[in-house]
Amino acid sequence: MKVKENLKLRKIGTNYALVPIGEKESNFPNLIQLNEVGAFLWEQLQQGKSTDELINILQNEYDTDYNILKEDVNSFIEICINHNLLE
């Protein structure tokens, strides 16, 4: 799973957004807003982390139940896929 290179994560005030970069992305219909955890996951995906690695990283960071994190990470990945953010 790989993030599209033409999307850059930007911090705008206290919010995060994925901003399309490049000529062919000028028709990108929506600004994708992320919360702090979503931005963190996006950064990890940019580094090539797998779904299991994302879950483990979050579990170490937030000390939350593995199954809850698995559902949340899978949901995030599914949203990214549905919005055509991943290759």
PDB file of N, CA and C in Angstrom:
ATOM      1  N   MET A   1       0.844  -1.161   0.000  1.00  0.00           N
ATOM      2  CA  MET A   1       0.000   0.000   0.000  1.00  0.00           C
ATOM      3  C   MET A   1       0.898   1.235   0.000  1.00  0.00           C
ATOM      4  N   LYS A   2       0.598   2.145  -0.915  1.00  0.00           N
ATOM      5  CA  LYS A   2       1.443   3.315  -1.068  1.00  0.00           C
ATOM      6  C   LYS A   2       0.574   4.552  -1.211  1.00  0.00           C
ATOM      7  N   VAL A   3       0.948   5.635  -0.537  1.00  0.00           N
ATOM      8  CA  VAL A   3       0.197   6.873  -0.665  1.00  0.00           C
ATOM      9  C   VAL A   3       0.538   7.527  -1.998  1.00  0.00           C
ATOM     10  N   LYS A   4      -0.419   8.239  -2.554  1.00  0.00           N
ATOM     11  CA  LYS A   4      -0.168   8.953  -3.794  1.00  0.00           C
ATOM     12  C   LYS A   4       0.809  10.081  -3.525  1.00  0.00           C
ATOM     13  N   GLU A   5       1.815  10.175  -4.355  1.00  0.00           N
ATOM     14  CA  GLU A   5       2.866  11.172  -4.154  1.00  0.00           C
ATOM     15  C   GLU A   5       2.390  12.589  -4.419  1.00  0.00           C
ATOM     16  N   ASN A   6       1.283  12.732  -5.140  1.00  0.00           N
ATOM     17  CA  ASN A   6       0.801  14.063  -5.475  1.00  0.00           C
ATOM     18  C   ASN A   6      -0.069  14.673  -4.377  1.00  0.00           C
ATOM     19  N   LEU A   7      -0.125  14.028  -3.227  1.00  0.00           N
ATOM     20  CA  LEU A   7      -0.850  14.562  -2.075  1.00  0.00           C
ATOM     21  C   LEU A   7       0.137  14.835  -0.947  1.00  0.00           C
ATOM     22  N   LYS A   8       0.127  16.047  -0.464  1.00  0.00           N
ATOM     23  CA  LYS A   8       1.038  16.441   0.611  1.00  0.00           C
ATOM     24  C   LYS A   8       0.242  16.794   1.856  1.00  0.00           C
ATOM     25  N   LEU A   9       0.712  16.337   2.989  1.00  0.00           N
ATOM     26  CA  LEU A   9       0.096  16.650   4.273  1.00  0.00           C
ATOM     27  C   LEU A   9       0.572  18.028   4.722  1.00  0.00           C
ATOM     28  N   ARG A  10      -0.390  18.877   5.053  1.00  0.00           N
ATOM     29  CA  ARG A  10      -0.071  20.215   5.526  1.00  0.00           C
ATOM     30  C   ARG A  10      -0.817  20.480   6.829  1.00  0.00           C
ATOM     31  N   LYS A  11      -0.133  21.163   7.737  1.00  0.00           N
ATOM     32  CA  LYS A  11      -0.781  21.588   8.975  1.00  0.00           C
ATOM     33  C   LYS A  11      -1.245  23.024   8.774  1.00  0.00           C
ATOM     34  N   ILE A  12      -2.539  23.226   8.994  1.00  0.00           N
ATOM     35  CA  ILE A  12      -3.130  24.544   8.831  1.00  0.00           C
ATOM     36  C   ILE A  12      -3.732  24.925  10.180  1.00  0.00           C
ATOM     37  N   GLY A  13      -3.038  25.766  10.902  1.00  0.00           N
ATOM     38  CA  GLY A  13      -3.456  26.089  12.268  1.00  0.00           C
ATOM     39  C   GLY A  13      -3.328  24.846  13.124  1.00  0.00           C
ATOM     40  N   THR A  14      -4.440  24.397  13.689  1.00  0.00           N
ATOM     41  CA  THR A  14      -4.423  23.175  14.495  1.00  0.00           C
ATOM     42  C   THR A  14      -4.985  21.983  13.713  1.00  0.00           C
ATOM     43  N   ASN A  15      -5.291  22.195  12.435  1.00  0.00           N
ATOM     44  CA  ASN A  15      -5.865  21.143  11.599  1.00  0.00           C
ATOM     45  C   ASN A  15      -4.843  20.626  10.600  1.00  0.00           C
ATOM     46  N   TYR A  16      -5.161  19.487  10.010  1.00  0.00           N
ATOM     47  CA  TYR A  16      -4.316  18.887   8.993  1.00  0.00           C
ATOM     48  C   TYR A  16      -5.153  18.677   7.744  1.00  0.00           C
ATOM     49  N   ALA A  17      -4.499  18.794   6.591  1.00  0.00           N
ATOM     50  CA  ALA A  17      -5.201  18.579   5.329  1.00  0.00           C
ATOM     51  C   ALA A  17      -4.253  17.945   4.325  1.00  0.00           C
ATOM     52  N   LEU A  18      -4.826  17.134   3.451  1.00  0.00           N
ATOM     53  CA  LEU A  18      -4.088  16.603   2.320  1.00  0.00           C
ATOM     54  C   LEU A  18      -4.341  17.543   1.148  1.00  0.00           C
ATOM     55  N   VAL A  19      -3.266  18.073   0.612  1.00  0.00           N
ATOM     56  CA  VAL A  19      -3.350  19.070  -0.448  1.00  0.00           C
ATOM     57  C   VAL A  19      -2.796  18.463  -1.729  1.00  0.00           C
ATOM     58  N   PRO A  20      -3.561  18.550  -2.836  1.00  0.00           N
ATOM     59  CA  PRO A  20      -3.052  18.039  -4.107  1.00  0.00           C
ATOM     60  C   PRO A  20      -1.940  18.942  -4.635  1.00  0.00           C
ATOM     61  N   ILE A  21      -0.894  18.331  -5.137  1.00  0.00           N
ATOM     62  CA  ILE A  21       0.247  19.056  -5.685  1.00  0.00           C
ATOM     63  C   ILE A  21       0.398  18.631  -7.147  1.00  0.00           C
ATOM     64  N   GLY A  22       0.593  19.590  -8.016  1.00  0.00           N
ATOM     65  CA  GLY A  22       0.843  19.270  -9.416  1.00  0.00           C
ATOM     66  C   GLY A  22      -0.284  19.699 -10.331  1.00  0.00           C
ATOM     67  N   GLU A  23       0.058  19.804 -11.569  1.00  0.00           N
ATOM     68  CA  GLU A  23      -0.849  20.309 -12.586  1.00  0.00           C
ATOM     69  C   GLU A  23      -2.103  19.468 -12.754  1.00  0.00           C
ATOM     70  N   LYS A  24      -1.939  18.151 -12.844  1.00  0.00           N
ATOM     71  CA  LYS A  24      -3.103  17.309 -13.097  1.00  0.00           C
ATOM     72  C   LYS A  24      -4.046  17.221 -11.910  1.00  0.00           C
ATOM     73  N   GLU A  25      -3.628  17.698 -10.749  1.00  0.00           N
ATOM     74  CA  GLU A  25      -4.465  17.638  -9.562  1.00  0.00           C
ATOM     75  C   GLU A  25      -5.291  18.905  -9.360  1.00  0.00           C
ATOM     76  N   SER A  26      -5.222  19.824 -10.304  1.00  0.00           N
ATOM     77  CA  SER A  26      -5.982  21.058 -10.140  1.00  0.00           C
ATOM     78  C   SER A  26      -7.485  20.813 -10.142  1.00  0.00           C
ATOM     79  N   ASN A  27      -7.907  19.654 -10.631  1.00  0.00           N
ATOM     80  CA  ASN A  27      -9.326  19.307 -10.638  1.00  0.00           C
ATOM     81  C   ASN A  27      -9.723  18.467  -9.438  1.00  0.00           C
ATOM     82  N   PHE A  28      -8.856  18.338  -8.461  1.00  0.00           N
ATOM     83  CA  PHE A  28      -9.147  17.558  -7.260  1.00  0.00           C
ATOM     84  C   PHE A  28     -10.366  18.170  -6.582  1.00  0.00           C
ATOM     85  N   PRO A  29     -11.438  17.394  -6.400  1.00  0.00           N
ATOM     86  CA  PRO A  29     -12.711  17.983  -5.981  1.00  0.00           C
ATOM     87  C   PRO A  29     -12.811  18.389  -4.509  1.00  0.00           C
ATOM     88  N   ASN A  30     -12.045  17.785  -3.643  1.00  0.00           N
ATOM     89  CA  ASN A  30     -12.230  18.020  -2.211  1.00  0.00           C
ATOM     90  C   ASN A  30     -10.901  18.206  -1.503  1.00  0.00           C
ATOM     91  N   LEU A  31     -10.954  18.976  -0.451  1.00  0.00           N
ATOM     92  CA  LEU A  31      -9.832  19.062   0.466  1.00  0.00           C
ATOM     93  C   LEU A  31     -10.065  17.970   1.496  1.00  0.00           C
ATOM     94  N   ILE A  32      -9.082  17.138   1.719  1.00  0.00           N
ATOM     95  CA  ILE A  32      -9.220  16.044   2.672  1.00  0.00           C
ATOM     96  C   ILE A  32      -8.658  16.510   4.010  1.00  0.00           C
ATOM     97  N   GLN A  33      -9.530  16.612   5.003  1.00  0.00           N
ATOM     98  CA  GLN A  33      -9.105  17.022   6.334  1.00  0.00           C
ATOM     99  C   GLN A  33      -8.851  15.797   7.201  1.00  0.00           C
ATOM    100  N   LEU A  34      -7.816  15.875   8.009  1.00  0.00           N
ATOM    101  CA  LEU A  34      -7.448  14.789   8.911  1.00  0.00           C
ATOM    102  C   LEU A  34      -7.315  15.328  10.328  1.00  0.00           C
ATOM    103  N   ASN A  35      -7.652  14.470  11.286  1.00  0.00           N
ATOM    104  CA  ASN A  35      -7.361  14.835  12.668  1.00  0.00           C
ATOM    105  C   ASN A  35      -5.908  14.457  12.963  1.00  0.00           C
ATOM    106  N   GLU A  36      -5.491  14.646  14.185  1.00  0.00           N
ATOM    107  CA  GLU A  36      -4.090  14.400  14.550  1.00  0.00           C
ATOM    108  C   GLU A  36      -3.688  12.946  14.331  1.00  0.00           C
ATOM    109  N   VAL A  37      -4.553  12.013  14.677  1.00  0.00           N
ATOM    110  CA  VAL A  37      -4.247  10.594  14.495  1.00  0.00           C
ATOM    111  C   VAL A  37      -4.229  10.246  13.012  1.00  0.00           C
ATOM    112  N   GLY A  38      -5.177  10.791  12.250  1.00  0.00           N
ATOM    113  CA  GLY A  38      -5.191  10.563  10.804  1.00  0.00           C
ATOM    114  C   GLY A  38      -3.924  11.085  10.149  1.00  0.00           C
ATOM    115  N   ALA A  39      -3.464  12.259  10.568  1.00  0.00           N
ATOM    116  CA  ALA A  39      -2.221  12.819  10.040  1.00  0.00           C
ATOM    117  C   ALA A  39      -1.033  11.928  10.406  1.00  0.00           C
ATOM    118  N   PHE A  40      -1.026  11.425  11.629  1.00  0.00           N
ATOM    119  CA  PHE A  40       0.032  10.530  12.069  1.00  0.00           C
ATOM    120  C   PHE A  40       0.046   9.254  11.214  1.00  0.00           C
ATOM    121  N   LEU A  41      -1.158   8.689  10.993  1.00  0.00           N
ATOM    122  CA  LEU A  41      -1.244   7.479  10.165  1.00  0.00           C
ATOM    123  C   LEU A  41      -0.777   7.762   8.744  1.00  0.00           C
ATOM    124  N   TRP A  42      -1.159   8.913   8.195  1.00  0.00           N
ATOM    125  CA  TRP A  42      -0.735   9.268   6.837  1.00  0.00           C
ATOM    126  C   TRP A  42       0.789   9.347   6.754  1.00  0.00           C
ATOM    127  N   GLU A  43       1.408   9.979   7.742  1.00  0.00           N
ATOM    128  CA  GLU A  43       2.872  10.069   7.769  1.00  0.00           C
ATOM    129  C   GLU A  43       3.507   8.683   7.825  1.00  0.00           C
ATOM    130  N   GLN A  44       2.919   7.786   8.599  1.00  0.00           N
ATOM    131  CA  GLN A  44       3.446   6.422   8.692  1.00  0.00           C
ATOM    132  C   GLN A  44       3.281   5.682   7.366  1.00  0.00           C
ATOM    133  N   LEU A  45       2.158   5.894   6.699  1.00  0.00           N
ATOM    134  CA  LEU A  45       1.940   5.280   5.390  1.00  0.00           C
ATOM    135  C   LEU A  45       2.953   5.795   4.373  1.00  0.00           C
ATOM    136  N   GLN A  46       3.314   7.065   4.473  1.00  0.00           N
ATOM    137  CA  GLN A  46       4.331   7.627   3.586  1.00  0.00           C
ATOM    138  C   GLN A  46       5.680   6.936   3.774  1.00  0.00           C
ATOM    139  N   GLN A  47       5.905   6.425   4.957  1.00  0.00           N
ATOM    140  CA  GLN A  47       7.147   5.718   5.252  1.00  0.00           C
ATOM    141  C   GLN A  47       7.060   4.237   4.885  1.00  0.00           C
ATOM    142  N   GLY A  48       5.920   3.827   4.321  1.00  0.00           N
ATOM    143  CA  GLY A  48       5.772   2.449   3.865  1.00  0.00           C
ATOM    144  C   GLY A  48       5.336   1.458   4.926  1.00  0.00           C
ATOM    145  N   LYS A  49       4.803   1.952   6.026  1.00  0.00           N
ATOM    146  CA  LYS A  49       4.365   1.055   7.101  1.00  0.00           C
ATOM    147  C   LYS A  49       3.149   0.235   6.660  1.00  0.00           C
ATOM    148  N   SER A  50       3.106  -1.001   7.130  1.00  0.00           N
ATOM    149  CA  SER A  50       1.985  -1.892   6.843  1.00  0.00           C
ATOM    150  C   SER A  50       0.853  -1.638   7.837  1.00  0.00           C
ATOM    151  N   THR A  51      -0.290  -2.223   7.560  1.00  0.00           N
ATOM    152  CA  THR A  51      -1.431  -2.095   8.470  1.00  0.00           C
ATOM    153  C   THR A  51      -1.078  -2.614   9.861  1.00  0.00           C
ATOM    154  N   ASP A  52      -0.446  -3.772   9.934  1.00  0.00           N
ATOM    155  CA  ASP A  52      -0.056  -4.328  11.238  1.00  0.00           C
ATOM    156  C   ASP A  52       0.921  -3.413  11.973  1.00  0.00           C
ATOM    157  N   GLU A  53       1.850  -2.822  11.238  1.00  0.00           N
ATOM    158  CA  GLU A  53       2.793  -1.898  11.866  1.00  0.00           C
ATOM    159  C   GLU A  53       2.063  -0.663  12.407  1.00  0.00           C
ATOM    160  N   LEU A  54       1.087  -0.162  11.645  1.00  0.00           N
ATOM    161  CA  LEU A  54       0.313   0.994  12.114  1.00  0.00           C
ATOM    162  C   LEU A  54      -0.406   0.679  13.419  1.00  0.00           C
ATOM    163  N   ILE A  55      -1.008  -0.495  13.471  1.00  0.00           N
ATOM    164  CA  ILE A  55      -1.733  -0.902  14.677  1.00  0.00           C
ATOM    165  C   ILE A  55      -0.780  -0.991  15.864  1.00  0.00           C
ATOM    166  N   ASN A  56       0.369  -1.604  15.658  1.00  0.00           N
ATOM    167  CA  ASN A  56       1.341  -1.757  16.749  1.00  0.00           C
ATOM    168  C   ASN A  56       1.882  -0.418  17.220  1.00  0.00           C
ATOM    169  N   ILE A  57       2.146   0.485  16.283  1.00  0.00           N
ATOM    170  CA  ILE A  57       2.641   1.811  16.647  1.00  0.00           C
ATOM    171  C   ILE A  57       1.602   2.547  17.492  1.00  0.00           C
ATOM    172  N   LEU A  58       0.345   2.498  17.053  1.00  0.00           N
ATOM    173  CA  LEU A  58      -0.716   3.162  17.822  1.00  0.00           C
ATOM    174  C   LEU A  58      -0.931   2.518  19.176  1.00  0.00           C
ATOM    175  N   GLN A  59      -0.816   1.204  19.226  1.00  0.00           N
ATOM    176  CA  GLN A  59      -1.002   0.505  20.500  1.00  0.00           C
ATOM    177  C   GLN A  59       0.075   0.928  21.493  1.00  0.00           C
ATOM    178  N   ASN A  60       1.304   1.079  21.026  1.00  0.00           N
ATOM    179  CA  ASN A  60       2.383   1.538  21.903  1.00  0.00           C
ATOM    180  C   ASN A  60       2.178   2.988  22.331  1.00  0.00           C
ATOM    181  N   GLU A  61       1.641   3.799  21.440  1.00  0.00           N
ATOM    182  CA  GLU A  61       1.445   5.221  21.717  1.00  0.00           C
ATOM    183  C   GLU A  61       0.256   5.481  22.641  1.00  0.00           C
ATOM    184  N   TYR A  62      -0.853   4.777  22.405  1.00  0.00           N
ATOM    185  CA  TYR A  62      -2.097   5.093  23.108  1.00  0.00           C
ATOM    186  C   TYR A  62      -2.549   4.026  24.096  1.00  0.00           C
ATOM    187  N   ASP A  63      -1.871   2.899  24.164  1.00  0.00           N
ATOM    188  CA  ASP A  63      -2.220   1.841  25.112  1.00  0.00           C
ATOM    189  C   ASP A  63      -3.714   1.510  25.043  1.00  0.00           C
ATOM    190  N   THR A  64      -4.174   1.231  23.827  1.00  0.00           N
ATOM    191  CA  THR A  64      -5.578   0.918  23.569  1.00  0.00           C
ATOM    192  C   THR A  64      -5.677  -0.526  23.100  1.00  0.00           C
ATOM    193  N   ASP A  65      -6.838  -1.119  23.264  1.00  0.00           N
ATOM    194  CA  ASP A  65      -7.090  -2.497  22.863  1.00  0.00           C
ATOM    195  C   ASP A  65      -6.743  -2.724  21.394  1.00  0.00           C
ATOM    196  N   TYR A  66      -6.039  -3.800  21.119  1.00  0.00           N
ATOM    197  CA  TYR A  66      -5.592  -4.130  19.766  1.00  0.00           C
ATOM    198  C   TYR A  66      -6.755  -4.207  18.783  1.00  0.00           C
ATOM    199  N   ASN A  67      -7.851  -4.845  19.160  1.00  0.00           N
ATOM    200  CA  ASN A  67      -8.985  -5.030  18.247  1.00  0.00           C
ATOM    201  C   ASN A  67      -9.656  -3.698  17.901  1.00  0.00           C
ATOM    202  N   ILE A  68      -9.721  -2.792  18.839  1.00  0.00           N
ATOM    203  CA  ILE A  68     -10.283  -1.470  18.563  1.00  0.00           C
ATOM    204  C   ILE A  68      -9.386  -0.723  17.586  1.00  0.00           C
ATOM    205  N   LEU A  69      -8.094  -0.776  17.836  1.00  0.00           N
ATOM    206  CA  LEU A  69      -7.152  -0.115  16.930  1.00  0.00           C
ATOM    207  C   LEU A  69      -7.188  -0.741  15.539  1.00  0.00           C
ATOM    208  N   LYS A  70      -7.324  -2.054  15.484  1.00  0.00           N
ATOM    209  CA  LYS A  70      -7.388  -2.733  14.188  1.00  0.00           C
ATOM    210  C   LYS A  70      -8.593  -2.237  13.394  1.00  0.00           C
ATOM    211  N   GLU A  71      -9.742  -2.132  14.054  1.00  0.00           N
ATOM    212  CA  GLU A  71     -10.945  -1.617  13.384  1.00  0.00           C
ATOM    213  C   GLU A  71     -10.734  -0.180  12.914  1.00  0.00           C
ATOM    214  N   ASP A  72     -10.152   0.640  13.762  1.00  0.00           N
ATOM    215  CA  ASP A  72      -9.941   2.050  13.422  1.00  0.00           C
ATOM    216  C   ASP A  72      -8.961   2.205  12.259  1.00  0.00           C
ATOM    217  N   VAL A  73      -7.861   1.474  12.297  1.00  0.00           N
ATOM    218  CA  VAL A  73      -6.867   1.564  11.221  1.00  0.00           C
ATOM    219  C   VAL A  73      -7.459   1.040   9.913  1.00  0.00           C
ATOM    220  N   ASN A  74      -8.163  -0.076   9.984  1.00  0.00           N
ATOM    221  CA  ASN A  74      -8.781  -0.615   8.770  1.00  0.00           C
ATOM    222  C   ASN A  74      -9.813   0.353   8.202  1.00  0.00           C
ATOM    223  N   SER A  75     -10.543   1.021   9.068  1.00  0.00           N
ATOM    224  CA  SER A  75     -11.511   2.017   8.631  1.00  0.00           C
ATOM    225  C   SER A  75     -10.810   3.189   7.942  1.00  0.00           C
ATOM    226  N   PHE A  76      -9.713   3.646   8.521  1.00  0.00           N
ATOM    227  CA  PHE A  76      -8.937   4.739   7.931  1.00  0.00           C
ATOM    228  C   PHE A  76      -8.423   4.333   6.544  1.00  0.00           C
ATOM    229  N   ILE A  77      -7.877   3.125   6.444  1.00  0.00           N
ATOM    230  CA  ILE A  77      -7.360   2.631   5.164  1.00  0.00           C
ATOM    231  C   ILE A  77      -8.493   2.547   4.138  1.00  0.00           C
ATOM    232  N   GLU A  78      -9.634   2.050   4.554  1.00  0.00           N
ATOM    233  CA  GLU A  78     -10.780   1.926   3.652  1.00  0.00           C
ATOM    234  C   GLU A  78     -11.228   3.298   3.143  1.00  0.00           C
ATOM    235  N   ILE A  79     -11.263   4.280   4.024  1.00  0.00           N
ATOM    236  CA  ILE A  79     -11.627   5.638   3.613  1.00  0.00           C
ATOM    237  C   ILE A  79     -10.612   6.172   2.605  1.00  0.00           C
ATOM    238  N   CYS A  80      -9.340   5.949   2.859  1.00  0.00           N
ATOM    239  CA  CYS A  80      -8.289   6.377   1.934  1.00  0.00           C
ATOM    240  C   CYS A  80      -8.461   5.721   0.559  1.00  0.00           C
ATOM    241  N   ILE A  81      -8.760   4.443   0.567  1.00  0.00           N
ATOM    242  CA  ILE A  81      -8.974   3.729  -0.695  1.00  0.00           C
ATOM    243  C   ILE A  81     -10.198   4.291  -1.412  1.00  0.00           C
ATOM    244  N   ASN A  82     -11.293   4.487  -0.679  1.00  0.00           N
ATOM    245  CA  ASN A  82     -12.527   4.992  -1.285  1.00  0.00           C
ATOM    246  C   ASN A  82     -12.362   6.398  -1.868  1.00  0.00           C
ATOM    247  N   HIS A  83     -11.450   7.185  -1.303  1.00  0.00           N
ATOM    248  CA  HIS A  83     -11.187   8.527  -1.811  1.00  0.00           C
ATOM    249  C   HIS A  83     -10.011   8.550  -2.790  1.00  0.00           C
ATOM    250  N   ASN A  84      -9.546   7.363  -3.179  1.00  0.00           N
ATOM    251  CA  ASN A  84      -8.477   7.236  -4.168  1.00  0.00           C
ATOM    252  C   ASN A  84      -7.187   7.959  -3.725  1.00  0.00           C
ATOM    253  N   LEU A  85      -6.847   7.800  -2.446  1.00  0.00           N
ATOM    254  CA  LEU A  85      -5.664   8.427  -1.886  1.00  0.00           C
ATOM    255  C   LEU A  85      -4.453   7.496  -1.871  1.00  0.00           C
ATOM    256  N   LEU A  86      -4.701   6.219  -2.114  1.00  0.00           N
ATOM    257  CA  LEU A  86      -3.628   5.222  -2.078  1.00  0.00           C
ATOM    258  C   LEU A  86      -3.501   4.568  -3.444  1.00  0.00           C
ATOM    259  N   GLU A  87      -2.280   4.128  -3.736  1.00  0.00           N
ATOM    260  CA  GLU A  87      -2.026   3.402  -4.988  1.00  0.00           C
ATOM    261  C   GLU A  87      -1.920   1.929  -4.707  1.00  0.00           C
TER     262      GLU A  87
END
